[in-house]
């Protein structure tokens, strides 16, 4: 039983890696087409430079995809956050229906510095948001604009919201919107995260993040062993992690990419991921594992493992996979059993 459970966890880990994987296919397929400005570029250009993490979501494109339309649960997405629920009740805003696109920039936390800036594009009721700010926070005036300040759950924490136009709302951590108006350089040399984001032209969602340095001392845990030290060295070599998703017909193409500091480490990472996928396939052959799953669930996992591609190009390793609405069938049948 323990062996079967271990193998099932291994296969689940591979599926998770694969499921976080392959809209970089989108970037590759678009590379041969005529150059067009990215749909995300205008929102990204509104962010200050220097973020260590960028997240972009085109919710309008995701909602319109066949994959999303064929999901079995058509109910609203529950958000377990009392503050947001109160905001929805008071303003009528629902991100699932009213938010079309959003971009978020995150900076390493430092004393007295900005931590995040987000720009949301959609349908907002300015007067209801003003009324909500008057009752739940306060209204300030900065740079000739009305700024809505809302307290956060953190002691003494505040977030600022300001309308850029009728359909764009900027959210800034802290009580000042000054970070929103700092340098907006898009050059790769001064803004490496933007250079990586540019490769996702056409993706409906992507995230690019620089990996912070990992301390040299592993402590007395499992990483202190020779095998753990080798794993730690490999993990330390990963400098950037990127994710992208692109709806295409009835499928979602998803990709996860790790960018190492050298080609040798990238090759080792590719080998480790291939080994992990092999273990996942072995786990699905275990009779106990197969007996604990429906035929549809087993077929879905096998399809993901078999279709996933792990490739290396110079210092980058990519895990690519294509998901179809058939993956939902296992969930439907599972509910009936």
Protein backbone atom coordinates (compact mmCIF):
# COMPACT_ATOMS: atom_id res chain seq x y z
CA UNK A 1 0.00 0.00 0.00
CA UNK A 2 2.82 2.39 0.90
CA UNK A 3 4.64 1.70 -2.37
CA UNK A 4 1.49 2.25 -4.42
CA UNK A 5 0.77 5.50 -2.58
CA UNK A 6 4.34 6.69 -3.15
CA UNK A 7 4.13 5.98 -6.85
CA UNK A 8 0.76 7.68 -7.08
CA UNK A 9 2.24 10.77 -5.47
CA UNK A 10 5.11 10.68 -7.92
CA UNK A 11 2.71 10.45 -10.86
CA UNK A 12 0.64 13.27 -9.41
CA UNK A 13 3.78 15.41 -9.15
CA UNK A 14 4.57 14.78 -12.79
CA UNK A 15 1.02 15.62 -13.79
CA UNK A 16 1.30 18.84 -11.83
CA UNK A 17 4.54 19.71 -13.60
CA UNK A 18 2.94 18.92 -16.92
CA UNK A 19 -0.24 20.77 -16.10
CA UNK A 20 1.81 23.86 -15.27
CA UNK A 21 3.28 23.48 -18.72
CA UNK A 22 3.14 24.62 -22.62
CA UNK A 23 1.84 27.92 -23.89
CA UNK A 24 5.45 28.59 -24.75
CA UNK A 25 4.35 26.60 -27.79
CA UNK A 26 2.34 29.70 -28.47
CA UNK A 27 5.45 31.87 -28.43
CA UNK A 28 7.25 29.45 -30.74
CA UNK A 29 4.38 29.18 -33.21
CA UNK A 30 3.94 32.94 -33.31
CA UNK A 31 7.62 33.53 -33.94
CA UNK A 32 7.26 32.75 -37.63
CA UNK A 33 4.32 35.07 -38.16
CA UNK A 34 4.33 38.74 -39.04
CA UNK A 35 5.39 40.85 -36.08
CA UNK A 36 2.42 42.19 -34.12
CA UNK A 37 2.31 44.12 -30.86
CA UNK A 38 1.50 41.97 -27.86
CA UNK A 39 -1.99 42.27 -26.43
CA UNK A 40 -0.34 42.54 -23.02
CA UNK A 41 2.21 45.18 -24.02
CA UNK A 42 0.08 48.24 -23.27
CA UNK A 43 -0.75 47.03 -19.76
CA UNK A 44 2.86 46.00 -19.10
CA UNK A 45 4.06 49.41 -20.29
CA UNK A 46 1.94 51.03 -17.57
CA UNK A 47 3.91 49.24 -14.85
CA UNK A 48 7.11 50.65 -13.35
CA UNK A 49 10.32 48.92 -14.35
CA UNK A 50 12.40 46.62 -12.21
CA UNK A 51 9.83 44.08 -11.01
CA UNK A 52 11.23 40.67 -10.16
CA UNK A 53 7.90 39.01 -11.00
CA UNK A 54 5.29 39.78 -13.66
CA UNK A 55 1.88 38.14 -13.93
CA UNK A 56 -0.50 38.71 -16.83
CA UNK A 57 -4.07 37.42 -17.19
CA UNK A 58 -6.38 37.83 -20.17
CA UNK A 59 -9.54 36.59 -18.47
CA UNK A 60 -11.72 37.61 -21.42
CA UNK A 61 -9.77 35.23 -23.69
CA UNK A 62 -9.88 32.45 -21.11
CA UNK A 63 -13.64 32.84 -20.59
CA UNK A 64 -14.19 32.70 -24.35
CA UNK A 65 -12.15 29.50 -24.80
CA UNK A 66 -13.90 26.22 -25.56
CA UNK A 67 -11.90 24.57 -22.79
CA UNK A 68 -13.39 26.96 -20.21
CA UNK A 69 -16.88 26.66 -21.66
CA UNK A 70 -16.72 22.85 -21.41
CA UNK A 71 -15.72 22.76 -17.74
CA UNK A 72 -18.21 20.63 -15.79
CA UNK A 73 -18.74 23.06 -12.93
CA UNK A 74 -20.41 26.15 -14.38
CA UNK A 75 -20.91 27.75 -10.98
CA UNK A 76 -19.12 30.93 -9.89
CA UNK A 77 -15.58 30.65 -8.57
CA UNK A 78 -15.67 30.94 -4.80
CA UNK A 79 -13.17 33.37 -3.29
CA UNK A 80 -12.64 32.61 0.42
CA UNK A 81 -11.92 36.20 1.35
CA UNK A 82 -14.35 38.16 3.47
CA UNK A 83 -12.95 41.52 2.39
CA UNK A 84 -13.43 40.69 -1.29
CA UNK A 85 -16.93 39.34 -0.65
CA UNK A 86 -17.81 42.60 1.07
CA UNK A 87 -16.34 44.55 -1.85
CA UNK A 88 -18.49 42.53 -4.30
CA UNK A 89 -21.65 43.08 -2.27
CA UNK A 90 -21.04 46.82 -2.03
CA UNK A 91 -19.78 47.58 -5.53
CA UNK A 92 -21.33 44.84 -7.68
CA UNK A 93 -17.89 44.01 -9.11
CA UNK A 94 -17.18 40.34 -9.83
CA UNK A 95 -13.71 39.58 -11.18
CA UNK A 96 -14.95 36.44 -12.96
CA UNK A 97 -17.41 38.45 -15.08
CA UNK A 98 -16.24 42.05 -14.99
CA UNK A 99 -12.44 41.76 -15.09
CA UNK A 100 -11.08 41.39 -18.64
CA UNK A 101 -7.33 41.76 -18.23
CA UNK A 102 -4.88 42.36 -15.42
CA UNK A 103 -1.16 42.69 -14.94
CA UNK A 104 0.70 42.50 -11.63
CA UNK A 105 4.25 43.50 -10.83
CA UNK A 106 5.94 42.29 -7.65
CA UNK A 107 9.16 43.58 -6.13
CA UNK A 108 11.31 41.99 -3.41
CA UNK A 109 10.11 43.14 0.00
CA UNK A 110 12.40 45.83 1.37
CA UNK A 111 11.86 48.38 4.14
CA UNK A 112 10.01 51.50 2.98
CA UNK A 113 9.73 50.32 -0.63
CA UNK A 114 6.89 49.26 -2.89
CA UNK A 115 5.97 45.60 -2.99
CA UNK A 116 3.30 45.33 -5.68
CA UNK A 117 1.51 47.28 -8.39
CA UNK A 118 -1.45 45.89 -10.33
CA UNK A 119 -3.48 47.31 -13.20
CA UNK A 120 -6.92 45.88 -13.88
CA UNK A 121 -8.98 46.44 -17.02
CA UNK A 122 -12.71 45.81 -17.11
CA UNK A 123 -16.02 47.25 -15.99
CA UNK A 124 -16.05 49.22 -12.73
CA UNK A 125 -18.70 51.34 -11.04
CA UNK A 126 -16.68 54.34 -9.91
CA UNK A 127 -19.39 55.78 -7.69
CA UNK A 128 -20.00 52.51 -5.85
CA UNK A 129 -16.26 52.09 -5.31
CA UNK A 130 -16.08 55.65 -3.98
CA UNK A 131 -18.95 54.94 -1.61
CA UNK A 132 -17.27 51.73 -0.44
CA UNK A 133 -14.02 53.62 0.21
CA UNK A 134 -15.87 56.25 2.22
CA UNK A 135 -17.37 53.60 4.52
CA UNK A 136 -14.54 51.05 4.69
CA UNK A 137 -11.44 53.22 4.22
CA UNK A 138 -10.89 56.79 3.17
CA UNK A 139 -10.37 58.97 0.10
CA UNK A 140 -7.14 60.88 -0.45
CA UNK A 141 -6.01 63.27 -3.20
CA UNK A 142 -2.65 62.63 -4.83
CA UNK A 143 -1.18 63.90 -8.10
CA UNK A 144 -4.49 65.56 -8.92
CA UNK A 145 -6.42 62.28 -8.62
CA UNK A 146 -8.86 60.77 -6.17
CA UNK A 147 -7.16 57.85 -4.44
CA UNK A 148 -9.22 55.24 -2.62
CA UNK A 149 -7.43 53.80 0.43
CA UNK A 150 -8.46 50.45 1.89
CA UNK A 151 -7.05 48.84 5.04
CA UNK A 152 -5.57 45.37 4.68
CA UNK A 153 -5.60 42.43 7.08
CA UNK A 154 -1.98 43.18 8.00
CA UNK A 155 -1.66 45.48 11.04
CA UNK A 156 -1.35 49.05 9.83
CA UNK A 157 -1.44 47.94 6.19
CA UNK A 158 -3.15 49.87 3.40
CA UNK A 159 -3.72 49.49 -0.34
CA UNK A 160 -4.31 52.37 -2.74
CA UNK A 161 -6.65 52.30 -5.74
CA UNK A 162 -6.81 54.94 -8.45
CA UNK A 163 -8.66 55.11 -11.77
CA UNK A 164 -6.40 55.62 -14.79
CA UNK A 165 -9.45 55.91 -17.06
CA UNK A 166 -13.03 54.62 -17.08
CA UNK A 167 -11.96 51.02 -17.63
CA UNK A 168 -8.59 50.80 -15.87
CA UNK A 169 -7.99 50.69 -12.15
CA UNK A 170 -4.50 50.66 -10.61
CA UNK A 171 -3.85 49.04 -7.24
CA UNK A 172 -0.69 49.91 -5.29
CA UNK A 173 0.47 48.47 -1.98
CA UNK A 174 0.78 51.22 0.60
CA UNK A 175 -0.87 54.60 1.01
CA UNK A 176 0.90 56.34 -1.88
CA UNK A 177 0.45 55.93 -5.64
CA UNK A 178 3.91 57.38 -6.33
CA UNK A 179 5.38 53.95 -7.25
CA UNK A 180 2.93 53.81 -10.16
CA UNK A 181 4.61 56.81 -11.76
CA UNK A 182 8.22 55.73 -11.43
CA UNK A 183 10.46 54.69 -14.34
CA UNK A 184 8.66 52.74 -17.08
CA UNK A 185 11.66 51.55 -19.07
CA UNK A 186 10.91 48.53 -21.29
CA UNK A 187 14.53 47.96 -22.30
CA UNK A 188 15.83 44.42 -21.75
CA UNK A 189 19.06 45.61 -20.11
CA UNK A 190 17.27 47.56 -17.38
CA UNK A 191 14.16 45.40 -17.26
CA UNK A 192 15.09 41.72 -17.85
CA UNK A 193 11.68 40.45 -16.74
CA UNK A 194 10.07 42.34 -19.63
CA UNK A 195 12.52 40.80 -22.10
CA UNK A 196 11.36 37.35 -20.99
CA UNK A 197 7.70 38.37 -20.99
CA UNK A 198 8.01 39.49 -24.62
CA UNK A 199 8.46 35.85 -25.65
CA UNK A 200 4.85 35.12 -24.64
CA UNK A 201 3.15 37.19 -27.31
CA UNK A 202 -0.31 35.68 -27.80
CA UNK A 203 -0.53 33.86 -24.46
CA UNK A 204 -3.73 34.38 -22.46
CA UNK A 205 -1.82 34.10 -19.19
CA UNK A 206 1.80 34.10 -18.18
CA UNK A 207 4.01 34.60 -15.16
CA UNK A 208 7.72 35.40 -15.14
CA UNK A 209 9.65 35.33 -11.88
CA UNK A 210 13.28 35.72 -10.90
CA UNK A 211 14.28 33.13 -8.31
CA UNK A 212 15.83 34.65 -5.18
CA UNK A 213 19.16 33.36 -3.94
CA UNK A 214 19.01 30.22 -1.80
CA UNK A 215 21.16 30.26 1.38
CA UNK A 216 24.32 28.15 1.24
CA UNK A 217 23.72 26.45 4.58
CA UNK A 218 21.16 23.64 4.16
CA UNK A 219 20.95 23.04 7.93
CA UNK A 220 20.67 19.54 9.34
CA UNK A 221 17.73 18.39 7.22
CA UNK A 222 17.66 16.00 4.25
CA UNK A 223 19.41 18.57 2.06
CA UNK A 224 22.54 18.13 4.19
CA UNK A 225 23.08 14.66 2.68
CA UNK A 226 25.23 14.21 -0.46
CA UNK A 227 22.11 13.60 -2.59
CA UNK A 228 20.41 16.60 -0.99
CA UNK A 229 23.45 18.78 -1.65
CA UNK A 230 23.40 17.74 -5.30
CA UNK A 231 19.70 18.59 -5.53
CA UNK A 232 20.30 21.92 -3.81
CA UNK A 233 23.05 22.78 -6.29
CA UNK A 234 20.69 22.03 -9.17
CA UNK A 235 17.91 24.13 -7.67
CA UNK A 236 20.31 27.01 -7.05
CA UNK A 237 21.22 27.02 -10.73
CA UNK A 238 17.64 27.99 -11.71
CA UNK A 239 17.57 31.75 -12.15
CA UNK A 240 14.13 32.30 -13.74
CA UNK A 241 10.86 30.38 -13.85
CA UNK A 242 8.21 31.17 -16.46
CA UNK A 243 4.70 29.87 -17.04
CA UNK A 244 2.30 30.50 -19.91
CA UNK A 245 -1.12 29.37 -21.06
CA UNK A 246 -2.79 29.76 -24.41
CA UNK A 247 -6.31 28.58 -25.37
CA UNK A 248 -6.31 27.15 -28.88
CA UNK A 249 -9.56 25.67 -30.14
CA UNK A 250 -10.73 23.03 -27.68
CA UNK A 251 -7.34 22.78 -26.02
CA UNK A 252 -5.19 24.65 -23.56
CA UNK A 253 -1.50 24.72 -24.37
CA UNK A 254 0.47 25.17 -21.20
CA UNK A 255 4.19 25.47 -20.50
CA UNK A 256 6.60 25.69 -17.61
CA UNK A 257 10.18 26.77 -18.23
CA UNK A 258 13.19 26.90 -15.96
CA UNK A 259 16.17 29.03 -16.98
CA UNK A 260 19.47 27.90 -15.44
CA UNK A 261 22.71 29.80 -15.13
CA UNK A 262 24.55 27.32 -17.38
CA UNK A 263 23.85 24.67 -20.00
CA UNK A 264 25.20 21.78 -17.93
CA UNK A 265 22.73 22.45 -15.11
CA UNK A 266 19.93 22.76 -17.67
CA UNK A 267 20.81 19.32 -19.02
CA UNK A 268 20.75 17.87 -15.50
CA UNK A 269 17.35 19.47 -14.88
CA UNK A 270 15.98 17.99 -18.10
CA UNK A 271 17.24 14.54 -17.08
CA UNK A 272 15.66 14.85 -13.63
CA UNK A 273 12.28 15.78 -15.12
CA UNK A 274 12.43 12.90 -17.58
CA UNK A 275 13.21 10.54 -14.70
CA UNK A 276 10.29 11.95 -12.74
CA UNK A 277 7.97 11.33 -15.68
CA UNK A 278 9.26 7.76 -15.98
CA UNK A 279 8.49 7.17 -12.31
CA UNK A 280 5.02 8.59 -12.91
CA UNK A 281 4.41 6.12 -15.73
CA UNK A 282 5.61 3.28 -13.51
CA UNK A 283 3.26 4.42 -10.77
CA UNK A 284 0.29 4.23 -13.14
CA UNK A 285 1.18 0.61 -13.91
CA UNK A 286 0.94 -0.41 -10.28
CA UNK A 287 -2.20 -2.61 -9.80
CA UNK A 288 -3.12 -0.89 -6.53
CA UNK A 289 -2.84 2.53 -8.14
CA UNK A 290 -4.91 1.48 -11.13
CA UNK A 291 -7.49 -0.09 -8.86
CA UNK A 292 -7.94 3.15 -6.95
CA UNK A 293 -8.75 5.15 -10.10
CA UNK A 294 -11.56 5.08 -12.62
CA UNK A 295 -10.65 4.14 -16.23
CA UNK A 296 -11.28 7.74 -17.25
CA UNK A 297 -8.97 9.14 -14.58
CA UNK A 298 -6.28 6.66 -15.51
CA UNK A 299 -6.61 7.51 -19.21
CA UNK A 300 -6.39 11.24 -18.49
CA UNK A 301 -3.22 10.89 -16.43
CA UNK A 302 -1.64 8.61 -19.00
CA UNK A 303 -2.52 11.06 -21.75
CA UNK A 304 -0.89 13.95 -19.90
CA UNK A 305 2.26 11.95 -19.12
CA UNK A 306 2.57 10.63 -22.66
CA UNK A 307 1.94 13.98 -24.36
CA UNK A 308 4.24 16.01 -22.12
CA UNK A 309 7.48 17.10 -23.77
CA UNK A 310 10.64 17.97 -21.87
CA UNK A 311 13.14 19.85 -24.01
CA UNK A 312 16.36 21.79 -23.47
CA UNK A 313 17.58 24.78 -25.44
CA UNK A 314 20.84 26.24 -24.16
CA UNK A 315 20.13 27.25 -20.56
CA UNK A 316 16.35 26.76 -20.71
CA UNK A 317 14.35 23.61 -19.94
CA UNK A 318 10.71 23.46 -20.98
CA UNK A 319 7.88 21.16 -19.98
CA UNK A 320 5.11 21.34 -22.59
CA UNK A 321 1.68 19.73 -22.52
CA UNK A 322 -1.67 20.07 -24.26
CA UNK A 323 -4.87 19.69 -22.25
CA UNK A 324 -8.26 18.91 -23.79
CA UNK A 325 -11.76 19.01 -22.24
CA UNK A 326 -11.58 15.20 -22.00
CA UNK A 327 -9.67 15.71 -18.76
CA UNK A 328 -12.98 16.75 -17.17
CA UNK A 329 -14.62 13.40 -17.93
CA UNK A 330 -12.82 11.67 -15.09
CA UNK A 331 -14.20 14.21 -12.65
CA UNK A 332 -17.75 13.78 -13.93
CA UNK A 333 -17.62 9.99 -13.69
CA UNK A 334 -15.91 10.16 -10.34
CA UNK A 335 -18.85 12.11 -8.94
CA UNK A 336 -21.27 9.50 -10.18
CA UNK A 337 -19.46 6.56 -8.55
